[in-house]
Protein backbone atom coordinates (compact mmCIF):
# COMPACT_ATOMS: atom_id res chain seq x y z
CA MET A 1 9.81 -13.59 -2.27
CA SER A 2 5.99 -14.21 -1.77
CA ASN A 3 6.39 -14.25 1.86
CA LEU A 4 8.23 -11.06 2.37
CA ILE A 5 5.05 -9.06 3.03
CA LYS A 6 2.34 -11.16 4.57
CA GLU A 7 0.12 -8.88 4.43
CA PRO A 8 -0.14 -6.01 1.89
CA GLY A 9 -3.63 -5.33 2.06
CA SER A 10 -3.21 -3.93 5.89
CA ARG A 11 -1.92 -0.49 4.09
CA LEU A 12 -5.31 0.31 2.45
CA GLY A 13 -7.25 3.24 4.32
CA VAL A 14 -9.98 1.09 4.54
CA VAL A 15 -8.33 -1.80 6.89
CA LYS A 16 -6.83 0.99 8.94
CA THR A 17 -10.06 2.59 9.62
CA ILE A 18 -11.85 -0.94 10.84
CA ALA A 19 -8.81 -1.75 12.62
CA ASN A 20 -8.67 1.34 14.63
CA GLN A 21 -12.37 0.83 15.57
CA MET A 22 -12.27 -2.45 16.67
CA GLY A 23 -9.47 -2.14 19.48
CA GLY A 24 -5.88 -1.72 17.43
CA PHE A 25 -3.68 -3.20 14.75
CA THR A 26 -0.12 -4.08 15.86
CA LYS A 27 2.22 -5.85 13.17
CA SER A 28 5.50 -7.13 13.73
CA TYR A 29 7.73 -7.28 10.78
CA ALA A 30 11.07 -8.52 13.04
CA VAL A 31 13.66 -10.37 10.65
CA ALA A 32 15.13 -13.51 12.09
CA PHE A 33 19.10 -14.13 12.27
CA LYS A 34 18.61 -17.23 10.27
CA ASP A 35 17.26 -15.18 7.44
CA VAL A 36 20.27 -12.42 7.76
CA ALA A 37 22.87 -15.11 7.49
CA ILE A 38 21.38 -16.98 4.67
CA VAL A 39 20.74 -14.33 2.20
CA SER A 40 24.50 -13.21 3.56
CA VAL A 41 26.11 -16.48 2.83
CA TRP A 42 24.04 -16.40 -0.59
CA THR A 43 25.24 -13.32 -1.21
CA PHE A 44 28.89 -13.82 -0.52
CA ILE A 45 28.78 -17.27 -2.87
CA PHE A 46 27.15 -14.42 -5.84
CA ILE A 47 29.89 -12.29 -5.23
CA TYR A 48 33.29 -14.23 -5.01
CA GLY A 49 31.76 -16.42 -8.43
CA ALA A 50 31.22 -13.07 -10.23
CA TYR A 51 34.74 -12.20 -9.22
CA ALA A 52 36.12 -16.25 -9.78
CA LEU A 53 34.40 -15.84 -13.13
CA LEU A 54 36.03 -12.65 -14.40
CA LYS A 55 39.62 -13.57 -12.81
CA LYS A 56 39.55 -16.87 -14.82
CA ARG A 57 38.31 -15.05 -17.92
CA ASP A 58 40.66 -11.95 -17.54
CA LEU A 59 38.41 -8.79 -18.35
């Protein structure tokens, strides 16, 4: 979870003005397919496990 936003300081006004004066500031927030696949698998496991538990307990 700590690596979701690697540089939150870039949102500060001081950092933006310094970056503009030095010639630009580009940041890529691309998400790899592997990360999306891992999150999808864990989400499926959690939802299916909750469904199976509820069905087992007949709630």
